[in-house]
Amino acid sequence: MTLVYGGGGVGLMGVLANAALKAGGKAVGVIPRFLLEREAGHPALTETVVVENMHQRKLEMFERCDAIVVLPGGLGTLEEFFEVLSWRTLGLHSKPIVIVDLGGYWQPLAALLRSCVDGGFAERSHLDVVAFIDSLDHLLPTLAAMPRDIAGEKQLDRF
């Protein structure tokens, strides 16, 4: 397996990259030049891709991944999640989206998504493309069980 992530060497994602590498997997970091200069990029990744801005970073990570896994995080994590969810609901991709809800961290997000549907601002089917799990033990089985319409998959438009 290959981990595709933002390329930092610190925090939760740095720990995850180290674990992937230690387990014999690959870790690809995609980091904008300005962040590489500001924060310590991971020094031992399988590959580091340096891009010019955050938009290129998100697109590059998306194009290289087969699934989106959301771990506990902050504003950047939320921003990335909502972008891939929006793309999914627009029919631009069919990649699985799994939210790892350790300790109930993402329960307010789950409630917000339900509120959007209950308020008539989103279709119930929009929530069917996101799986919430409460244990990393459920991650691979959940990803394997999620439906993907590969034949109907569209490429993201590039402007």
N, C-alpha and C. Protein backbone atom coordinates (compact mmCIF):
# COMPACT_ATOMS: atom_id res chain seq x y z
N MET A 1 0.85 -1.19 0.00
CA MET A 1 0.00 0.00 0.00
C MET A 1 0.88 1.23 0.00
N THR A 2 0.31 2.29 -0.51
CA THR A 2 1.01 3.56 -0.55
C THR A 2 0.16 4.61 0.15
N LEU A 3 0.77 5.29 1.09
CA LEU A 3 0.15 6.43 1.76
C LEU A 3 0.46 7.67 0.92
N VAL A 4 -0.58 8.40 0.58
CA VAL A 4 -0.41 9.69 -0.10
C VAL A 4 -0.93 10.73 0.88
N TYR A 5 -0.08 11.69 1.22
CA TYR A 5 -0.49 12.69 2.22
C TYR A 5 0.29 13.97 1.99
N GLY A 6 0.14 14.92 2.89
CA GLY A 6 0.68 16.25 2.72
C GLY A 6 2.18 16.42 2.86
N GLY A 7 2.90 15.39 3.24
CA GLY A 7 4.36 15.44 3.20
C GLY A 7 5.08 15.93 4.44
N GLY A 8 4.35 16.29 5.49
CA GLY A 8 5.01 16.77 6.70
C GLY A 8 5.64 15.63 7.49
N GLY A 9 6.62 16.00 8.30
CA GLY A 9 7.31 15.01 9.12
C GLY A 9 6.92 15.06 10.58
N VAL A 10 5.94 15.89 10.91
CA VAL A 10 5.55 16.05 12.31
C VAL A 10 4.06 15.72 12.47
N GLY A 11 3.61 15.65 13.70
CA GLY A 11 2.19 15.45 13.98
C GLY A 11 1.70 14.05 13.64
N LEU A 12 0.39 13.90 13.65
CA LEU A 12 -0.25 12.62 13.41
C LEU A 12 0.13 12.04 12.05
N MET A 13 0.16 12.88 11.03
CA MET A 13 0.47 12.38 9.70
C MET A 13 1.94 11.98 9.57
N GLY A 14 2.83 12.65 10.27
CA GLY A 14 4.23 12.23 10.30
C GLY A 14 4.38 10.87 10.95
N VAL A 15 3.63 10.65 12.03
CA VAL A 15 3.64 9.34 12.70
C VAL A 15 3.09 8.28 11.76
N LEU A 16 2.02 8.60 11.04
CA LEU A 16 1.43 7.65 10.11
C LEU A 16 2.41 7.31 8.99
N ALA A 17 3.08 8.31 8.46
CA ALA A 17 4.07 8.06 7.40
C ALA A 17 5.18 7.15 7.90
N ASN A 18 5.66 7.41 9.11
CA ASN A 18 6.70 6.55 9.69
C ASN A 18 6.22 5.12 9.84
N ALA A 19 4.98 4.95 10.29
CA ALA A 19 4.42 3.60 10.47
C ALA A 19 4.28 2.89 9.13
N ALA A 20 3.83 3.61 8.11
CA ALA A 20 3.69 3.00 6.78
C ALA A 20 5.04 2.54 6.26
N LEU A 21 6.04 3.37 6.40
CA LEU A 21 7.38 3.01 5.92
C LEU A 21 7.95 1.83 6.72
N LYS A 22 7.76 1.86 8.03
CA LYS A 22 8.28 0.79 8.88
C LYS A 22 7.62 -0.55 8.55
N ALA A 23 6.34 -0.51 8.14
CA ALA A 23 5.60 -1.73 7.80
C ALA A 23 5.92 -2.22 6.38
N GLY A 24 6.80 -1.51 5.68
CA GLY A 24 7.16 -1.94 4.33
C GLY A 24 6.34 -1.30 3.23
N GLY A 25 5.48 -0.36 3.60
CA GLY A 25 4.69 0.34 2.60
C GLY A 25 5.46 1.51 2.02
N LYS A 26 4.80 2.24 1.17
CA LYS A 26 5.38 3.44 0.58
C LYS A 26 4.64 4.65 1.13
N ALA A 27 5.33 5.77 1.17
CA ALA A 27 4.73 7.03 1.62
C ALA A 27 5.14 8.13 0.66
N VAL A 28 4.13 8.73 0.04
CA VAL A 28 4.35 9.82 -0.91
C VAL A 28 3.83 11.10 -0.27
N GLY A 29 4.68 12.10 -0.18
CA GLY A 29 4.29 13.38 0.36
C GLY A 29 4.13 14.40 -0.75
N VAL A 30 3.05 15.17 -0.69
CA VAL A 30 2.80 16.24 -1.66
C VAL A 30 2.76 17.53 -0.86
N ILE A 31 3.74 18.38 -1.09
CA ILE A 31 3.87 19.56 -0.24
C ILE A 31 4.16 20.80 -1.09
N PRO A 32 3.45 21.88 -0.81
CA PRO A 32 3.74 23.13 -1.51
C PRO A 32 5.11 23.67 -1.08
N ARG A 33 5.78 24.31 -2.00
CA ARG A 33 7.12 24.85 -1.74
C ARG A 33 7.13 25.73 -0.49
N PHE A 34 6.13 26.60 -0.33
CA PHE A 34 6.14 27.51 0.82
C PHE A 34 6.04 26.76 2.14
N LEU A 35 5.33 25.62 2.17
CA LEU A 35 5.27 24.84 3.41
C LEU A 35 6.55 24.06 3.63
N LEU A 36 7.16 23.62 2.57
CA LEU A 36 8.44 22.91 2.70
C LEU A 36 9.47 23.84 3.32
N GLU A 37 9.43 25.10 2.96
CA GLU A 37 10.36 26.08 3.52
C GLU A 37 9.98 26.46 4.95
N ARG A 38 8.68 26.39 5.29
CA ARG A 38 8.22 26.81 6.61
C ARG A 38 8.25 25.69 7.65
N GLU A 39 7.92 24.49 7.24
CA GLU A 39 7.87 23.38 8.19
C GLU A 39 8.79 22.27 7.71
N ALA A 40 9.10 21.41 8.60
CA ALA A 40 9.99 20.31 8.24
C ALA A 40 9.21 19.27 7.43
N GLY A 41 9.58 19.13 6.17
CA GLY A 41 9.03 18.04 5.39
C GLY A 41 9.63 16.75 5.89
N HIS A 42 8.95 15.67 5.66
CA HIS A 42 9.45 14.36 6.09
C HIS A 42 10.72 14.03 5.30
N PRO A 43 11.80 13.69 6.00
CA PRO A 43 13.08 13.49 5.31
C PRO A 43 13.26 12.13 4.64
N ALA A 44 12.38 11.17 4.90
CA ALA A 44 12.66 9.81 4.44
C ALA A 44 11.50 9.18 3.67
N LEU A 45 10.74 9.96 2.95
CA LEU A 45 9.61 9.42 2.21
C LEU A 45 10.07 8.66 0.97
N THR A 46 9.22 7.80 0.48
CA THR A 46 9.47 7.10 -0.77
C THR A 46 9.58 8.11 -1.90
N GLU A 47 8.72 9.12 -1.86
CA GLU A 47 8.74 10.16 -2.87
C GLU A 47 8.18 11.44 -2.26
N THR A 48 8.78 12.57 -2.60
CA THR A 48 8.26 13.88 -2.21
C THR A 48 7.99 14.66 -3.48
N VAL A 49 6.75 15.13 -3.61
CA VAL A 49 6.34 15.91 -4.76
C VAL A 49 6.16 17.35 -4.27
N VAL A 50 6.92 18.27 -4.83
CA VAL A 50 6.83 19.67 -4.45
C VAL A 50 5.99 20.39 -5.50
N VAL A 51 4.92 21.05 -5.02
CA VAL A 51 4.01 21.79 -5.90
C VAL A 51 4.05 23.26 -5.51
N GLU A 52 3.40 24.09 -6.30
CA GLU A 52 3.47 25.53 -6.06
C GLU A 52 2.43 26.06 -5.08
N ASN A 53 1.28 25.39 -4.96
CA ASN A 53 0.24 25.94 -4.09
C ASN A 53 -0.65 24.84 -3.54
N MET A 54 -1.57 25.23 -2.66
CA MET A 54 -2.44 24.27 -1.99
C MET A 54 -3.42 23.62 -2.96
N HIS A 55 -3.87 24.35 -3.96
CA HIS A 55 -4.80 23.77 -4.94
C HIS A 55 -4.12 22.63 -5.70
N GLN A 56 -2.89 22.85 -6.12
CA GLN A 56 -2.15 21.79 -6.81
C GLN A 56 -1.90 20.61 -5.88
N ARG A 57 -1.64 20.91 -4.61
CA ARG A 57 -1.40 19.84 -3.64
C ARG A 57 -2.61 18.92 -3.54
N LYS A 58 -3.80 19.52 -3.37
CA LYS A 58 -5.00 18.71 -3.22
C LYS A 58 -5.29 17.90 -4.48
N LEU A 59 -5.13 18.50 -5.64
CA LEU A 59 -5.38 17.77 -6.87
C LEU A 59 -4.38 16.63 -7.05
N GLU A 60 -3.13 16.89 -6.77
CA GLU A 60 -2.09 15.85 -6.90
C GLU A 60 -2.36 14.69 -5.94
N MET A 61 -2.70 15.01 -4.69
CA MET A 61 -3.01 13.94 -3.73
C MET A 61 -4.22 13.15 -4.20
N PHE A 62 -5.25 13.86 -4.66
CA PHE A 62 -6.46 13.19 -5.13
C PHE A 62 -6.15 12.27 -6.30
N GLU A 63 -5.41 12.75 -7.28
CA GLU A 63 -5.12 11.95 -8.46
C GLU A 63 -4.29 10.71 -8.14
N ARG A 64 -3.48 10.77 -7.11
CA ARG A 64 -2.61 9.64 -6.76
C ARG A 64 -3.29 8.62 -5.84
N CYS A 65 -4.44 8.96 -5.28
CA CYS A 65 -5.05 8.07 -4.28
C CYS A 65 -6.15 7.20 -4.89
N ASP A 66 -6.42 6.09 -4.21
CA ASP A 66 -7.54 5.22 -4.57
C ASP A 66 -8.71 5.37 -3.61
N ALA A 67 -8.46 5.99 -2.46
CA ALA A 67 -9.49 6.18 -1.45
C ALA A 67 -9.09 7.37 -0.59
N ILE A 68 -10.06 7.95 0.07
CA ILE A 68 -9.82 9.07 0.96
C ILE A 68 -10.13 8.59 2.38
N VAL A 69 -9.16 8.74 3.27
CA VAL A 69 -9.32 8.38 4.67
C VAL A 69 -9.08 9.63 5.48
N VAL A 70 -10.07 9.98 6.30
CA VAL A 70 -10.00 11.20 7.11
C VAL A 70 -9.74 10.79 8.56
N LEU A 71 -8.61 11.24 9.08
CA LEU A 71 -8.27 11.02 10.49
C LEU A 71 -8.62 12.29 11.27
N PRO A 72 -8.61 12.22 12.61
CA PRO A 72 -8.84 13.45 13.37
C PRO A 72 -7.85 14.52 12.92
N GLY A 73 -8.37 15.72 12.74
CA GLY A 73 -7.53 16.82 12.27
C GLY A 73 -8.23 18.15 12.47
N GLY A 74 -7.69 19.16 11.82
CA GLY A 74 -8.18 20.51 12.01
C GLY A 74 -8.83 21.08 10.77
N LEU A 75 -8.68 22.38 10.59
CA LEU A 75 -9.35 23.09 9.50
C LEU A 75 -8.92 22.60 8.13
N GLY A 76 -7.64 22.32 7.95
CA GLY A 76 -7.18 21.81 6.66
C GLY A 76 -7.80 20.47 6.33
N THR A 77 -7.93 19.62 7.33
CA THR A 77 -8.55 18.32 7.14
C THR A 77 -10.01 18.48 6.72
N LEU A 78 -10.71 19.38 7.40
CA LEU A 78 -12.11 19.63 7.05
C LEU A 78 -12.23 20.17 5.63
N GLU A 79 -11.37 21.10 5.27
CA GLU A 79 -11.41 21.69 3.95
C GLU A 79 -11.18 20.63 2.88
N GLU A 80 -10.20 19.77 3.08
CA GLU A 80 -9.92 18.70 2.12
C GLU A 80 -11.08 17.72 2.05
N PHE A 81 -11.66 17.36 3.19
CA PHE A 81 -12.80 16.45 3.21
C PHE A 81 -13.98 17.01 2.43
N PHE A 82 -14.34 18.26 2.71
CA PHE A 82 -15.51 18.82 2.04
C PHE A 82 -15.29 18.96 0.54
N GLU A 83 -14.07 19.20 0.12
CA GLU A 83 -13.83 19.29 -1.32
C GLU A 83 -14.02 17.94 -1.99
N VAL A 84 -13.45 16.87 -1.44
CA VAL A 84 -13.63 15.56 -2.09
C VAL A 84 -15.06 15.05 -1.96
N LEU A 85 -15.75 15.41 -0.87
CA LEU A 85 -17.16 15.04 -0.74
C LEU A 85 -17.98 15.78 -1.79
N SER A 86 -17.72 17.06 -1.96
CA SER A 86 -18.43 17.83 -2.98
C SER A 86 -18.19 17.24 -4.36
N TRP A 87 -16.95 16.92 -4.69
CA TRP A 87 -16.64 16.30 -5.98
C TRP A 87 -17.40 14.99 -6.14
N ARG A 88 -17.48 14.23 -5.05
CA ARG A 88 -18.17 12.93 -5.10
C ARG A 88 -19.66 13.12 -5.36
N THR A 89 -20.27 14.07 -4.66
CA THR A 89 -21.71 14.27 -4.85
C THR A 89 -22.03 14.85 -6.22
N LEU A 90 -21.07 15.50 -6.84
CA LEU A 90 -21.25 16.01 -8.20
C LEU A 90 -20.98 14.94 -9.26
N GLY A 91 -20.58 13.75 -8.83
CA GLY A 91 -20.32 12.66 -9.76
C GLY A 91 -18.97 12.74 -10.44
N LEU A 92 -18.03 13.49 -9.87
CA LEU A 92 -16.72 13.64 -10.48
C LEU A 92 -15.75 12.52 -10.12
N HIS A 93 -16.10 11.73 -9.13
CA HIS A 93 -15.27 10.57 -8.79
C HIS A 93 -16.12 9.58 -8.00
N SER A 94 -15.59 8.38 -7.85
CA SER A 94 -16.30 7.36 -7.08
C SER A 94 -15.38 6.71 -6.05
N LYS A 95 -14.38 7.46 -5.61
CA LYS A 95 -13.44 6.92 -4.63
C LYS A 95 -14.12 6.83 -3.25
N PRO A 96 -13.85 5.75 -2.52
CA PRO A 96 -14.41 5.62 -1.17
C PRO A 96 -13.91 6.74 -0.25
N ILE A 97 -14.78 7.18 0.64
CA ILE A 97 -14.42 8.18 1.65
C ILE A 97 -14.76 7.58 3.01
N VAL A 98 -13.74 7.43 3.84
CA VAL A 98 -13.93 6.85 5.18
C VAL A 98 -13.41 7.84 6.21
N ILE A 99 -14.23 8.08 7.22
CA ILE A 99 -13.85 8.96 8.32
C ILE A 99 -13.59 8.10 9.54
N VAL A 100 -12.37 8.19 10.05
CA VAL A 100 -11.98 7.43 11.23
C VAL A 100 -12.33 8.28 12.45
N ASP A 101 -13.39 7.88 13.13
CA ASP A 101 -13.99 8.64 14.23
C ASP A 101 -13.51 8.11 15.58
N LEU A 102 -12.23 8.25 15.83
CA LEU A 102 -11.67 7.75 17.09
C LEU A 102 -12.16 8.58 18.27
N GLY A 103 -12.70 7.92 19.27
CA GLY A 103 -13.17 8.60 20.47
C GLY A 103 -14.32 9.56 20.23
N GLY A 104 -15.04 9.41 19.12
CA GLY A 104 -16.16 10.28 18.83
C GLY A 104 -15.77 11.67 18.33
N TYR A 105 -14.51 11.82 17.93
CA TYR A 105 -14.00 13.13 17.50
C TYR A 105 -14.85 13.76 16.39
N TRP A 106 -15.30 12.94 15.42
CA TRP A 106 -16.02 13.46 14.28
C TRP A 106 -17.54 13.41 14.44
N GLN A 107 -18.06 13.13 15.64
CA GLN A 107 -19.51 13.11 15.82
C GLN A 107 -20.18 14.45 15.52
N PRO A 108 -19.56 15.59 15.87
CA PRO A 108 -20.18 16.86 15.46
C PRO A 108 -20.25 17.00 13.93
N LEU A 109 -19.28 16.48 13.22
CA LEU A 109 -19.33 16.52 11.75
C LEU A 109 -20.46 15.63 11.24
N ALA A 110 -20.61 14.45 11.81
CA ALA A 110 -21.69 13.55 11.40
C ALA A 110 -23.04 14.22 11.64
N ALA A 111 -23.18 14.90 12.78
CA ALA A 111 -24.43 15.60 13.08
C ALA A 111 -24.66 16.75 12.09
N LEU A 112 -23.62 17.46 11.73
CA LEU A 112 -23.75 18.56 10.76
C LEU A 112 -24.20 18.02 9.40
N LEU A 113 -23.60 16.92 8.96
CA LEU A 113 -24.00 16.33 7.68
C LEU A 113 -25.46 15.89 7.70
N ARG A 114 -25.88 15.25 8.80
CA ARG A 114 -27.29 14.85 8.94
C ARG A 114 -28.20 16.07 8.94
N SER A 115 -27.76 17.15 9.58
CA SER A 115 -28.54 18.38 9.63
C SER A 115 -28.72 18.98 8.24
N CYS A 116 -27.69 18.90 7.41
CA CYS A 116 -27.81 19.39 6.02
C CYS A 116 -28.89 18.61 5.28
N VAL A 117 -28.92 17.30 5.48
CA VAL A 117 -29.93 16.46 4.83
C VAL A 117 -31.31 16.76 5.42
N ASP A 118 -31.40 16.79 6.74
CA ASP A 118 -32.70 17.03 7.40
C ASP A 118 -33.26 18.40 7.04
N GLY A 119 -32.38 19.37 6.80
CA GLY A 119 -32.83 20.70 6.43
C GLY A 119 -33.14 20.86 4.95
N GLY A 120 -32.92 19.78 4.19
CA GLY A 120 -33.23 19.83 2.77
C GLY A 120 -32.14 20.44 1.90
N PHE A 121 -30.94 20.59 2.44
CA PHE A 121 -29.84 21.20 1.70
C PHE A 121 -28.93 20.19 1.03
N ALA A 122 -29.14 18.92 1.29
CA ALA A 122 -28.35 17.86 0.67
C ALA A 122 -29.24 16.63 0.57
N GLU A 123 -28.95 15.80 -0.40
CA GLU A 123 -29.68 14.55 -0.58
C GLU A 123 -29.17 13.50 0.42
N ARG A 124 -30.07 12.66 0.89
CA ARG A 124 -29.66 11.59 1.80
C ARG A 124 -28.58 10.72 1.16
N SER A 125 -28.67 10.52 -0.16
CA SER A 125 -27.68 9.70 -0.85
C SER A 125 -26.28 10.30 -0.76
N HIS A 126 -26.17 11.60 -0.50
CA HIS A 126 -24.85 12.21 -0.35
C HIS A 126 -24.11 11.67 0.87
N LEU A 127 -24.87 11.24 1.87
CA LEU A 127 -24.24 10.66 3.07
C LEU A 127 -23.87 9.19 2.87
N ASP A 128 -24.50 8.55 1.89
CA ASP A 128 -24.22 7.14 1.64
C ASP A 128 -22.81 6.91 1.12
N VAL A 129 -22.14 7.94 0.64
CA VAL A 129 -20.80 7.78 0.08
C VAL A 129 -19.71 7.99 1.11
N VAL A 130 -20.11 8.26 2.36
CA VAL A 130 -19.16 8.48 3.45
C VAL A 130 -19.42 7.43 4.53
N ALA A 131 -18.36 6.73 4.92
CA ALA A 131 -18.49 5.75 6.00
C ALA A 131 -17.75 6.27 7.23
N PHE A 132 -18.40 6.25 8.36
CA PHE A 132 -17.77 6.58 9.64
C PHE A 132 -17.43 5.27 10.33
N ILE A 133 -16.19 5.15 10.78
CA ILE A 133 -15.78 3.97 11.54
C ILE A 133 -15.15 4.43 12.84
N ASP A 134 -15.20 3.58 13.87
CA ASP A 134 -14.67 3.98 15.17
C ASP A 134 -13.41 3.23 15.57
N SER A 135 -12.86 2.46 14.63
CA SER A 135 -11.66 1.69 14.92
C SER A 135 -10.85 1.51 13.64
N LEU A 136 -9.56 1.61 13.76
CA LEU A 136 -8.70 1.37 12.59
C LEU A 136 -8.80 -0.07 12.11
N ASP A 137 -9.22 -0.98 12.99
CA ASP A 137 -9.40 -2.37 12.58
C ASP A 137 -10.47 -2.51 11.50
N HIS A 138 -11.38 -1.54 11.42
CA HIS A 138 -12.48 -1.58 10.45
C HIS A 138 -12.13 -0.92 9.12
N LEU A 139 -10.96 -0.28 9.05
CA LEU A 139 -10.64 0.53 7.87
C LEU A 139 -10.58 -0.28 6.58
N LEU A 140 -9.73 -1.27 6.52
CA LEU A 140 -9.58 -2.02 5.26
C LEU A 140 -10.85 -2.77 4.87
N PRO A 141 -11.54 -3.44 5.81
CA PRO A 141 -12.81 -4.07 5.42
C PRO A 141 -13.86 -3.08 4.93
N THR A 142 -13.89 -1.90 5.54
CA THR A 142 -14.86 -0.88 5.12
C THR A 142 -14.53 -0.38 3.72
N LEU A 143 -13.26 -0.11 3.46
CA LEU A 143 -12.86 0.33 2.13
C LEU A 143 -13.21 -0.73 1.08
N ALA A 144 -12.95 -1.98 1.40
CA ALA A 144 -13.22 -3.06 0.45
C ALA A 144 -14.71 -3.21 0.16
N ALA A 145 -15.55 -2.91 1.15
CA ALA A 145 -16.99 -3.10 0.99
C ALA A 145 -17.70 -1.93 0.33
N MET A 146 -17.03 -0.80 0.24
CA MET A 146 -17.69 0.38 -0.31
C MET A 146 -17.83 0.26 -1.83
N PRO A 147 -19.01 0.58 -2.33
CA PRO A 147 -19.23 0.47 -3.79
C PRO A 147 -18.47 1.53 -4.56
N ARG A 148 -17.98 1.13 -5.73
CA ARG A 148 -17.33 2.06 -6.65
C ARG A 148 -17.85 1.79 -8.04
N ASP A 149 -18.25 2.84 -8.70
CA ASP A 149 -18.71 2.74 -10.08
C ASP A 149 -17.57 3.18 -10.99
N ILE A 150 -16.60 2.29 -11.20
CA ILE A 150 -15.40 2.65 -11.96
C ILE A 150 -15.77 2.98 -13.40
N ALA A 151 -16.72 2.26 -13.99
CA ALA A 151 -17.10 2.53 -15.38
C ALA A 151 -17.69 3.92 -15.53
N GLY A 152 -18.40 4.38 -14.51
CA GLY A 152 -19.04 5.69 -14.60
C GLY A 152 -18.19 6.82 -14.05
N GLU A 153 -16.98 6.51 -13.63
CA GLU A 153 -16.13 7.52 -13.02
C GLU A 153 -15.70 8.58 -14.03
N LYS A 154 -15.75 9.84 -13.59
CA LYS A 154 -15.37 10.96 -14.44
C LYS A 154 -14.06 11.55 -13.92
N GLN A 155 -13.30 12.09 -14.81
CA GLN A 155 -12.10 12.81 -14.40
C GLN A 155 -12.50 14.21 -13.96
N LEU A 156 -11.80 14.72 -12.97
CA LEU A 156 -12.05 16.09 -12.55
C LEU A 156 -11.70 17.04 -13.68
N ASP A 157 -12.54 18.03 -13.85
CA ASP A 157 -12.24 19.03 -14.86
C ASP A 157 -11.03 19.85 -14.44
N ARG A 158 -10.22 20.22 -15.41
CA ARG A 158 -9.08 21.09 -15.12
C ARG A 158 -9.28 22.37 -15.89
N PHE A 159 -9.15 23.45 -15.20
CA PHE A 159 -9.35 24.75 -15.82
C PHE A 159 -8.02 25.38 -16.14
